[in-house]
Amino acid sequence: MNLLYESETFAVMHMLANAPVETSATSSQPQLERHGFEIVDKRSGKEVYLDGSWAEMFQQQIQAWQQHTPTQEEVEDTLEGYTGLAQHPVLVH
């Protein structure tokens, strides 16, 4: 897990795929490595986990930010757009 962004209102973590599992030579099951992004809305205490096509879209946004360094306001506005998806309360284990 890598912390990508943190402010007073949001935290964004990149959740990396598990380390590759060794499979036997007879196994024909493909191993799908997945990654995702967790966005925590600190104001509401909720989080959303983006994977699959949502994670791909968010990854494209991050790459665009790498090309053009955004202001904190631009980042926060983008993250605000994902808060409607946040349904899970943040739990500390």
PDB file of N, CA and C in Angstrom:
ATOM      1  N   MET A   1       0.846  -1.163   0.000  1.00  0.00           N
ATOM      2  CA  MET A   1       0.000   0.000   0.000  1.00  0.00           C
ATOM      3  C   MET A   1       0.897   1.233   0.000  1.00  0.00           C
ATOM      4  N   ASN A   2       0.601   2.148  -0.913  1.00  0.00           N
ATOM      5  CA  ASN A   2       1.358   3.393  -1.009  1.00  0.00           C
ATOM      6  C   ASN A   2       0.416   4.573  -0.816  1.00  0.00           C
ATOM      7  N   LEU A   3       0.771   5.470   0.086  1.00  0.00           N
ATOM      8  CA  LEU A   3       0.006   6.688   0.284  1.00  0.00           C
ATOM      9  C   LEU A   3       0.362   7.655  -0.847  1.00  0.00           C
ATOM     10  N   LEU A   4      -0.640   8.015  -1.656  1.00  0.00           N
ATOM     11  CA  LEU A   4      -0.404   8.897  -2.797  1.00  0.00           C
ATOM     12  C   LEU A   4      -0.719  10.351  -2.488  1.00  0.00           C
ATOM     13  N   TYR A   5      -1.691  10.569  -1.611  1.00  0.00           N
ATOM     14  CA  TYR A   5      -2.142  11.933  -1.343  1.00  0.00           C
ATOM     15  C   TYR A   5      -2.767  11.977   0.035  1.00  0.00           C
ATOM     16  N   GLU A   6      -2.499  13.062   0.768  1.00  0.00           N
ATOM     17  CA  GLU A   6      -3.157  13.260   2.052  1.00  0.00           C
ATOM     18  C   GLU A   6      -3.306  14.745   2.310  1.00  0.00           C
ATOM     19  N   SER A   7      -4.514  15.099   2.733  1.00  0.00           N
ATOM     20  CA  SER A   7      -4.810  16.479   3.117  1.00  0.00           C
ATOM     21  C   SER A   7      -5.720  16.423   4.334  1.00  0.00           C
ATOM     22  N   GLU A   8      -6.229  17.561   4.736  1.00  0.00           N
ATOM     23  CA  GLU A   8      -7.153  17.591   5.872  1.00  0.00           C
ATOM     24  C   GLU A   8      -8.469  16.895   5.544  1.00  0.00           C
ATOM     25  N   THR A   9      -8.817  16.800   4.257  1.00  0.00           N
ATOM     26  CA  THR A   9     -10.117  16.257   3.879  1.00  0.00           C
ATOM     27  C   THR A   9     -10.063  14.900   3.186  1.00  0.00           C
ATOM     28  N   PHE A  10      -8.944  14.544   2.564  1.00  0.00           N
ATOM     29  CA  PHE A  10      -8.861  13.289   1.808  1.00  0.00           C
ATOM     30  C   PHE A  10      -7.540  12.579   2.044  1.00  0.00           C
ATOM     31  N   ALA A  11      -7.582  11.266   1.856  1.00  0.00           N
ATOM     32  CA  ALA A  11      -6.378  10.439   1.776  1.00  0.00           C
ATOM     33  C   ALA A  11      -6.603   9.463   0.630  1.00  0.00           C
ATOM     34  N   VAL A  12      -5.559   9.245  -0.177  1.00  0.00           N
ATOM     35  CA  VAL A  12      -5.646   8.317  -1.310  1.00  0.00           C
ATOM     36  C   VAL A  12      -4.487   7.339  -1.206  1.00  0.00           C
ATOM     37  N   MET A  13      -4.842   6.040  -1.221  1.00  0.00           N
ATOM     38  CA  MET A  13      -3.844   4.991  -1.163  1.00  0.00           C
ATOM     39  C   MET A  13      -3.932   4.127  -2.407  1.00  0.00           C
ATOM     40  N   HIS A  14      -2.772   3.701  -2.892  1.00  0.00           N
ATOM     41  CA  HIS A  14      -2.698   2.757  -4.002  1.00  0.00           C
ATOM     42  C   HIS A  14      -2.481   1.384  -3.381  1.00  0.00           C
ATOM     43  N   MET A  15      -3.446   0.514  -3.581  1.00  0.00           N
ATOM     44  CA  MET A  15      -3.374  -0.840  -3.039  1.00  0.00           C
ATOM     45  C   MET A  15      -2.779  -1.724  -4.131  1.00  0.00           C
ATOM     46  N   LEU A  16      -1.598  -2.255  -3.874  1.00  0.00           N
ATOM     47  CA  LEU A  16      -0.897  -3.058  -4.873  1.00  0.00           C
ATOM     48  C   LEU A  16      -1.401  -4.489  -4.873  1.00  0.00           C
ATOM     49  N   ALA A  17      -1.290  -5.116  -6.038  1.00  0.00           N
ATOM     50  CA  ALA A  17      -1.686  -6.521  -6.171  1.00  0.00           C
ATOM     51  C   ALA A  17      -0.812  -7.373  -5.266  1.00  0.00           C
ATOM     52  N   ASN A  18      -1.361  -8.489  -4.844  1.00  0.00           N
ATOM     53  CA  ASN A  18      -0.582  -9.424  -4.030  1.00  0.00           C
ATOM     54  C   ASN A  18       0.615  -9.912  -4.817  1.00  0.00           C
ATOM     55  N   ALA A  19       1.637 -10.306  -4.093  1.00  0.00           N
ATOM     56  CA  ALA A  19       2.817 -10.862  -4.747  1.00  0.00           C
ATOM     57  C   ALA A  19       2.395 -12.089  -5.539  1.00  0.00           C
ATOM     58  N   PRO A  20       3.003 -12.320  -6.684  1.00  0.00           N
ATOM     59  CA  PRO A  20       2.619 -13.476  -7.507  1.00  0.00           C
ATOM     60  C   PRO A  20       2.751 -14.779  -6.721  1.00  0.00           C
ATOM     61  N   VAL A  21       1.763 -15.612  -6.886  1.00  0.00           N
ATOM     62  CA  VAL A  21       1.755 -16.912  -6.220  1.00  0.00           C
ATOM     63  C   VAL A  21       2.317 -17.937  -7.196  1.00  0.00           C
ATOM     64  N   GLU A  22       3.244 -18.753  -6.712  1.00  0.00           N
ATOM     65  CA  GLU A  22       3.797 -19.791  -7.580  1.00  0.00           C
ATOM     66  C   GLU A  22       2.724 -20.839  -7.838  1.00  0.00           C
ATOM     67  N   THR A  23       2.565 -21.196  -9.104  1.00  0.00           N
ATOM     68  CA  THR A  23       1.590 -22.214  -9.459  1.00  0.00           C
ATOM     69  C   THR A  23       2.324 -23.419 -10.005  1.00  0.00           C
ATOM     70  N   SER A  24       1.708 -24.561  -9.891  1.00  0.00           N
ATOM     71  CA  SER A  24       2.341 -25.771 -10.406  1.00  0.00           C
ATOM     72  C   SER A  24       2.293 -25.756 -11.929  1.00  0.00           C
ATOM     73  N   ALA A  25       3.159 -26.522 -12.533  1.00  0.00           N
ATOM     74  CA  ALA A  25       3.232 -26.579 -13.994  1.00  0.00           C
ATOM     75  C   ALA A  25       1.958 -27.146 -14.588  1.00  0.00           C
ATOM     76  N   THR A  26       1.187 -27.893 -13.794  1.00  0.00           N
ATOM     77  CA  THR A  26      -0.036 -28.499 -14.306  1.00  0.00           C
ATOM     78  C   THR A  26      -1.236 -27.559 -14.195  1.00  0.00           C
ATOM     79  N   SER A  27      -1.073 -26.482 -13.486  1.00  0.00           N
ATOM     80  CA  SER A  27      -2.183 -25.548 -13.306  1.00  0.00           C
ATOM     81  C   SER A  27      -2.349 -24.697 -14.558  1.00  0.00           C
ATOM     82  N   SER A  28      -3.570 -24.681 -15.072  1.00  0.00           N
ATOM     83  CA  SER A  28      -3.836 -23.876 -16.255  1.00  0.00           C
ATOM     84  C   SER A  28      -4.640 -22.622 -15.905  1.00  0.00           C
ATOM     85  N   GLN A  29      -4.858 -22.398 -14.612  1.00  0.00           N
ATOM     86  CA  GLN A  29      -5.617 -21.235 -14.178  1.00  0.00           C
ATOM     87  C   GLN A  29      -4.750 -19.989 -14.288  1.00  0.00           C
ATOM     88  N   PRO A  30      -5.188 -19.006 -15.078  1.00  0.00           N
ATOM     89  CA  PRO A  30      -4.415 -17.762 -15.141  1.00  0.00           C
ATOM     90  C   PRO A  30      -4.537 -17.005 -13.826  1.00  0.00           C
ATOM     91  N   GLN A  31      -3.487 -16.345 -13.452  1.00  0.00           N
ATOM     92  CA  GLN A  31      -3.481 -15.548 -12.230  1.00  0.00           C
ATOM     93  C   GLN A  31      -3.662 -14.079 -12.602  1.00  0.00           C
ATOM     94  N   LEU A  32      -4.754 -13.496 -12.168  1.00  0.00           N
ATOM     95  CA  LEU A  32      -5.059 -12.108 -12.467  1.00  0.00           C
ATOM     96  C   LEU A  32      -4.567 -11.226 -11.332  1.00  0.00           C
ATOM     97  N   GLU A  33      -3.605 -10.379 -11.623  1.00  0.00           N
ATOM     98  CA  GLU A  33      -3.125  -9.428 -10.634  1.00  0.00           C
ATOM     99  C   GLU A  33      -3.980  -8.182 -10.717  1.00  0.00           C
ATOM    100  N   ARG A  34      -4.475  -7.740  -9.584  1.00  0.00           N
ATOM    101  CA  ARG A  34      -5.336  -6.568  -9.556  1.00  0.00           C
ATOM    102  C   ARG A  34      -4.778  -5.569  -8.565  1.00  0.00           C
ATOM    103  N   HIS A  35      -5.046  -4.345  -8.838  1.00  0.00           N
ATOM    104  CA  HIS A  35      -4.691  -3.293  -7.908  1.00  0.00           C
ATOM    105  C   HIS A  35      -5.873  -2.349  -7.848  1.00  0.00           C
ATOM    106  N   GLY A  36      -5.828  -1.466  -6.893  1.00  0.00           N
ATOM    107  CA  GLY A  36      -6.915  -0.519  -6.774  1.00  0.00           C
ATOM    108  C   GLY A  36      -6.492   0.704  -5.973  1.00  0.00           C
ATOM    109  N   PHE A  37      -7.435   1.575  -5.792  1.00  0.00           N
ATOM    110  CA  PHE A  37      -7.196   2.810  -5.060  1.00  0.00           C
ATOM    111  C   PHE A  37      -8.264   2.963  -3.993  1.00  0.00           C
ATOM    112  N   GLU A  38      -7.843   3.336  -2.802  1.00  0.00           N
ATOM    113  CA  GLU A  38      -8.771   3.618  -1.727  1.00  0.00           C
ATOM    114  C   GLU A  38      -8.770   5.125  -1.504  1.00  0.00           C
ATOM    115  N   ILE A  39      -9.959   5.712  -1.565  1.00  0.00           N
ATOM    116  CA  ILE A  39     -10.112   7.142  -1.323  1.00  0.00           C
ATOM    117  C   ILE A  39     -10.903   7.294  -0.030  1.00  0.00           C
ATOM    118  N   VAL A  40     -10.319   7.979   0.942  1.00  0.00           N
ATOM    119  CA  VAL A  40     -10.960   8.197   2.230  1.00  0.00           C
ATOM    120  C   VAL A  40     -11.389   9.653   2.305  1.00  0.00           C
ATOM    121  N   ASP A  41     -12.680   9.848   2.553  1.00  0.00           N
ATOM    122  CA  ASP A  41     -13.228  11.181   2.790  1.00  0.00           C
ATOM    123  C   ASP A  41     -13.234  11.384   4.297  1.00  0.00           C
ATOM    124  N   LYS A  42     -12.286  12.148   4.798  1.00  0.00           N
ATOM    125  CA  LYS A  42     -12.130  12.331   6.238  1.00  0.00           C
ATOM    126  C   LYS A  42     -13.302  13.095   6.849  1.00  0.00           C
ATOM    127  N   ARG A  43     -13.987  13.907   6.062  1.00  0.00           N
ATOM    128  CA  ARG A  43     -15.103  14.687   6.584  1.00  0.00           C
ATOM    129  C   ARG A  43     -16.270  13.789   6.959  1.00  0.00           C
ATOM    130  N   SER A  44     -16.560  12.799   6.111  1.00  0.00           N
ATOM    131  CA  SER A  44     -17.700  11.914   6.355  1.00  0.00           C
ATOM    132  C   SER A  44     -17.295  10.627   7.075  1.00  0.00           C
ATOM    133  N   GLY A  45     -15.993  10.346   7.121  1.00  0.00           N
ATOM    134  CA  GLY A  45     -15.536   9.107   7.735  1.00  0.00           C
ATOM    135  C   GLY A  45     -15.842   7.889   6.886  1.00  0.00           C
ATOM    136  N   LYS A  46     -15.980   8.087   5.567  1.00  0.00           N
ATOM    137  CA  LYS A  46     -16.286   6.981   4.657  1.00  0.00           C
ATOM    138  C   LYS A  46     -15.171   6.822   3.633  1.00  0.00           C
ATOM    139  N   GLU A  47     -15.132   5.618   3.048  1.00  0.00           N
ATOM    140  CA  GLU A  47     -14.116   5.346   2.037  1.00  0.00           C
ATOM    141  C   GLU A  47     -14.745   4.611   0.872  1.00  0.00           C
ATOM    142  N   VAL A  48     -14.065   4.724  -0.271  1.00  0.00           N
ATOM    143  CA  VAL A  48     -14.469   3.990  -1.462  1.00  0.00           C
ATOM    144  C   VAL A  48     -13.224   3.307  -2.019  1.00  0.00           C
ATOM    145  N   TYR A  49     -13.401   2.062  -2.479  1.00  0.00           N
ATOM    146  CA  TYR A  49     -12.308   1.323  -3.086  1.00  0.00           C
ATOM    147  C   TYR A  49     -12.587   1.213  -4.574  1.00  0.00           C
ATOM    148  N   LEU A  50     -11.661   1.705  -5.378  1.00  0.00           N
ATOM    149  CA  LEU A  50     -11.800   1.660  -6.834  1.00  0.00           C
ATOM    150  C   LEU A  50     -10.946   0.517  -7.375  1.00  0.00           C
ATOM    151  N   ASP A  51     -11.577  -0.379  -8.113  1.00  0.00           N
ATOM    152  CA  ASP A  51     -10.813  -1.421  -8.797  1.00  0.00           C
ATOM    153  C   ASP A  51     -11.404  -1.611 -10.186  1.00  0.00           C
ATOM    154  N   GLY A  52     -10.811  -2.484 -10.954  1.00  0.00           N
ATOM    155  CA  GLY A  52     -11.306  -2.722 -12.305  1.00  0.00           C
ATOM    156  C   GLY A  52     -11.257  -1.468 -13.164  1.00  0.00           C
ATOM    157  N   SER A  53     -12.346  -1.213 -13.888  1.00  0.00           N
ATOM    158  CA  SER A  53     -12.369  -0.064 -14.800  1.00  0.00           C
ATOM    159  C   SER A  53     -12.318   1.265 -14.041  1.00  0.00           C
ATOM    160  N   TRP A  54     -12.877   1.291 -12.819  1.00  0.00           N
ATOM    161  CA  TRP A  54     -12.779   2.525 -12.015  1.00  0.00           C
ATOM    162  C   TRP A  54     -11.320   2.829 -11.689  1.00  0.00           C
ATOM    163  N   ALA A  55     -10.556   1.804 -11.330  1.00  0.00           N
ATOM    164  CA  ALA A  55      -9.138   1.991 -11.016  1.00  0.00           C
ATOM    165  C   ALA A  55      -8.365   2.435 -12.253  1.00  0.00           C
ATOM    166  N   GLU A  56      -8.711   1.878 -13.399  1.00  0.00           N
ATOM    167  CA  GLU A  56      -8.043   2.277 -14.644  1.00  0.00           C
ATOM    168  C   GLU A  56      -8.305   3.748 -14.955  1.00  0.00           C
ATOM    169  N   MET A  57      -9.551   4.179 -14.773  1.00  0.00           N
ATOM    170  CA  MET A  57      -9.873   5.595 -15.012  1.00  0.00           C
ATOM    171  C   MET A  57      -9.130   6.501 -14.034  1.00  0.00           C
ATOM    172  N   PHE A  58      -9.062   6.090 -12.775  1.00  0.00           N
ATOM    173  CA  PHE A  58      -8.358   6.898 -11.773  1.00  0.00           C
ATOM    174  C   PHE A  58      -6.863   6.924 -12.076  1.00  0.00           C
ATOM    175  N   GLN A  59      -6.305   5.804 -12.530  1.00  0.00           N
ATOM    176  CA  GLN A  59      -4.887   5.749 -12.915  1.00  0.00           C
ATOM    177  C   GLN A  59      -4.612   6.728 -14.055  1.00  0.00           C
ATOM    178  N   GLN A  60      -5.522   6.831 -14.999  1.00  0.00           N
ATOM    179  CA  GLN A  60      -5.367   7.803 -16.094  1.00  0.00           C
ATOM    180  C   GLN A  60      -5.371   9.224 -15.552  1.00  0.00           C
ATOM    181  N   GLN A  61      -6.210   9.481 -14.541  1.00  0.00           N
ATOM    182  CA  GLN A  61      -6.236  10.811 -13.923  1.00  0.00           C
ATOM    183  C   GLN A  61      -4.896  11.118 -13.260  1.00  0.00           C
ATOM    184  N   ILE A  62      -4.341  10.135 -12.578  1.00  0.00           N
ATOM    185  CA  ILE A  62      -3.038  10.318 -11.925  1.00  0.00           C
ATOM    186  C   ILE A  62      -1.958  10.598 -12.964  1.00  0.00           C
ATOM    187  N   GLN A  63      -1.990   9.877 -14.073  1.00  0.00           N
ATOM    188  CA  GLN A  63      -1.008  10.110 -15.136  1.00  0.00           C
ATOM    189  C   GLN A  63      -1.160  11.505 -15.722  1.00  0.00           C
ATOM    190  N   ALA A  64      -2.385  11.986 -15.855  1.00  0.00           N
ATOM    191  CA  ALA A  64      -2.613  13.354 -16.340  1.00  0.00           C
ATOM    192  C   ALA A  64      -2.044  14.362 -15.343  1.00  0.00           C
ATOM    193  N   TRP A  65      -2.200  14.080 -14.054  1.00  0.00           N
ATOM    194  CA  TRP A  65      -1.642  14.969 -13.027  1.00  0.00           C
ATOM    195  C   TRP A  65      -0.124  14.979 -13.086  1.00  0.00           C
ATOM    196  N   GLN A  66       0.484  13.857 -13.469  1.00  0.00           N
ATOM    197  CA  GLN A  66       1.938  13.807 -13.579  1.00  0.00           C
ATOM    198  C   GLN A  66       2.427  14.668 -14.742  1.00  0.00           C
ATOM    199  N   GLN A  67       1.611  14.787 -15.785  1.00  0.00           N
ATOM    200  CA  GLN A  67       1.970  15.622 -16.928  1.00  0.00           C
ATOM    201  C   GLN A  67       1.767  17.105 -16.629  1.00  0.00           C
ATOM    202  N   HIS A  68       0.705  17.400 -15.907  1.00  0.00           N
ATOM    203  CA  HIS A  68       0.368  18.777 -15.543  1.00  0.00           C
ATOM    204  C   HIS A  68       0.102  18.791 -14.041  1.00  0.00           C
ATOM    205  N   THR A  69       1.036  19.305 -13.271  1.00  0.00           N
ATOM    206  CA  THR A  69       0.906  19.307 -11.823  1.00  0.00           C
ATOM    207  C   THR A  69      -0.305  20.135 -11.418  1.00  0.00           C
ATOM    208  N   PRO A  70      -1.300  19.496 -10.796  1.00  0.00           N
ATOM    209  CA  PRO A  70      -2.518  20.216 -10.429  1.00  0.00           C
ATOM    210  C   PRO A  70      -2.341  20.983  -9.123  1.00  0.00           C
ATOM    211  N   THR A  71      -3.233  21.921  -8.917  1.00  0.00           N
ATOM    212  CA  THR A  71      -3.285  22.604  -7.625  1.00  0.00           C
ATOM    213  C   THR A  71      -3.997  21.684  -6.637  1.00  0.00           C
ATOM    214  N   GLN A  72      -3.871  21.976  -5.359  1.00  0.00           N
ATOM    215  CA  GLN A  72      -4.573  21.183  -4.356  1.00  0.00           C
ATOM    216  C   GLN A  72      -6.076  21.277  -4.578  1.00  0.00           C
ATOM    217  N   GLU A  73      -6.548  22.439  -4.985  1.00  0.00           N
ATOM    218  CA  GLU A  73      -7.982  22.607  -5.242  1.00  0.00           C
ATOM    219  C   GLU A  73      -8.456  21.700  -6.375  1.00  0.00           C
ATOM    220  N   GLU A  74      -7.653  21.572  -7.439  1.00  0.00           N
ATOM    221  CA  GLU A  74      -8.021  20.689  -8.555  1.00  0.00           C
ATOM    222  C   GLU A  74      -8.077  19.230  -8.107  1.00  0.00           C
ATOM    223  N   VAL A  75      -7.109  18.817  -7.293  1.00  0.00           N
ATOM    224  CA  VAL A  75      -7.089  17.446  -6.789  1.00  0.00           C
ATOM    225  C   VAL A  75      -8.311  17.207  -5.907  1.00  0.00           C
ATOM    226  N   GLU A  76      -8.577  18.140  -4.998  1.00  0.00           N
ATOM    227  CA  GLU A  76      -9.704  17.986  -4.073  1.00  0.00           C
ATOM    228  C   GLU A  76     -11.031  17.963  -4.834  1.00  0.00           C
ATOM    229  N   ASP A  77     -11.161  18.775  -5.872  1.00  0.00           N
ATOM    230  CA  ASP A  77     -12.389  18.772  -6.679  1.00  0.00           C
ATOM    231  C   ASP A  77     -12.598  17.420  -7.356  1.00  0.00           C
ATOM    232  N   THR A  78     -11.518  16.837  -7.871  1.00  0.00           N
ATOM    233  CA  THR A  78     -11.615  15.528  -8.510  1.00  0.00           C
ATOM    234  C   THR A  78     -12.006  14.464  -7.495  1.00  0.00           C
ATOM    235  N   LEU A  79     -11.355  14.473  -6.332  1.00  0.00           N
ATOM    236  CA  LEU A  79     -11.666  13.495  -5.294  1.00  0.00           C
ATOM    237  C   LEU A  79     -13.088  13.671  -4.781  1.00  0.00           C
ATOM    238  N   GLU A  80     -13.550  14.888  -4.735  1.00  0.00           N
ATOM    239  CA  GLU A  80     -14.925  15.182  -4.313  1.00  0.00           C
ATOM    240  C   GLU A  80     -15.925  14.443  -5.207  1.00  0.00           C
ATOM    241  N   GLY A  81     -15.585  14.304  -6.486  1.00  0.00           N
ATOM    242  CA  GLY A  81     -16.462  13.606  -7.417  1.00  0.00           C
ATOM    243  C   GLY A  81     -16.646  12.131  -7.091  1.00  0.00           C
ATOM    244  N   TYR A  82     -15.710  11.551  -6.356  1.00  0.00           N
ATOM    245  CA  TYR A  82     -15.806  10.143  -5.979  1.00  0.00           C
ATOM    246  C   TYR A  82     -16.523   9.938  -4.641  1.00  0.00           C
ATOM    247  N   THR A  83     -16.776  11.005  -3.902  1.00  0.00           N
ATOM    248  CA  THR A  83     -17.353  10.839  -2.564  1.00  0.00           C
ATOM    249  C   THR A  83     -18.772  10.290  -2.610  1.00  0.00           C
ATOM    250  N   GLY A  84     -19.481  10.474  -3.712  1.00  0.00           N
ATOM    251  CA  GLY A  84     -20.813   9.898  -3.835  1.00  0.00           C
ATOM    252  C   GLY A  84     -20.794   8.380  -3.844  1.00  0.00           C
ATOM    253  N   LEU A  85     -19.647   7.806  -4.215  1.00  0.00           N
ATOM    254  CA  LEU A  85     -19.503   6.348  -4.230  1.00  0.00           C
ATOM    255  C   LEU A  85     -19.140   5.802  -2.854  1.00  0.00           C
ATOM    256  N   ALA A  86     -18.700   6.677  -1.963  1.00  0.00           N
ATOM    257  CA  ALA A  86     -18.222   6.243  -0.642  1.00  0.00           C
ATOM    258  C   ALA A  86     -19.397   5.842   0.227  1.00  0.00           C
ATOM    259  N   GLN A  87     -19.517   4.556   0.478  1.00  0.00           N
ATOM    260  CA  GLN A  87     -20.611   4.033   1.298  1.00  0.00           C
ATOM    261  C   GLN A  87     -20.106   3.326   2.556  1.00  0.00           C
ATOM    262  N   HIS A  88     -18.831   2.966   2.567  1.00  0.00           N
ATOM    263  CA  HIS A  88     -18.298   2.162   3.668  1.00  0.00           C
ATOM    264  C   HIS A  88     -17.650   3.060   4.715  1.00  0.00           C
ATOM    265  N   PRO A  89     -18.057   2.905   5.983  1.00  0.00           N
ATOM    266  CA  PRO A  89     -17.391   3.665   7.031  1.00  0.00           C
ATOM    267  C   PRO A  89     -15.953   3.187   7.183  1.00  0.00           C
ATOM    268  N   VAL A  90     -15.075   4.102   7.514  1.00  0.00           N
ATOM    269  CA  VAL A  90     -13.672   3.758   7.725  1.00  0.00           C
ATOM    270  C   VAL A  90     -13.576   3.016   9.039  1.00  0.00           C
ATOM    271  N   LEU A  91     -12.963   1.829   8.993  1.00  0.00           N
ATOM    272  CA  LEU A  91     -12.761   1.011  10.180  1.00  0.00           C
ATOM    273  C   LEU A  91     -11.276   0.816  10.390  1.00  0.00           C
ATOM    274  N   VAL A  92     -10.854   0.888  11.618  1.00  0.00           N
ATOM    275  CA  VAL A  92      -9.454   0.635  11.952  1.00  0.00           C
ATOM    276  C   VAL A  92      -9.391  -0.746  12.566  1.00  0.00           C
ATOM    277  N   HIS A  93      -8.526  -1.593  12.027  1.00  0.00           N
ATOM    278  CA  HIS A  93      -8.418  -2.966  12.549  1.00  0.00           C
ATOM    279  C   HIS A  93      -7.261  -3.015  13.519  1.00  0.00           C
TER     280      HIS A  93
END
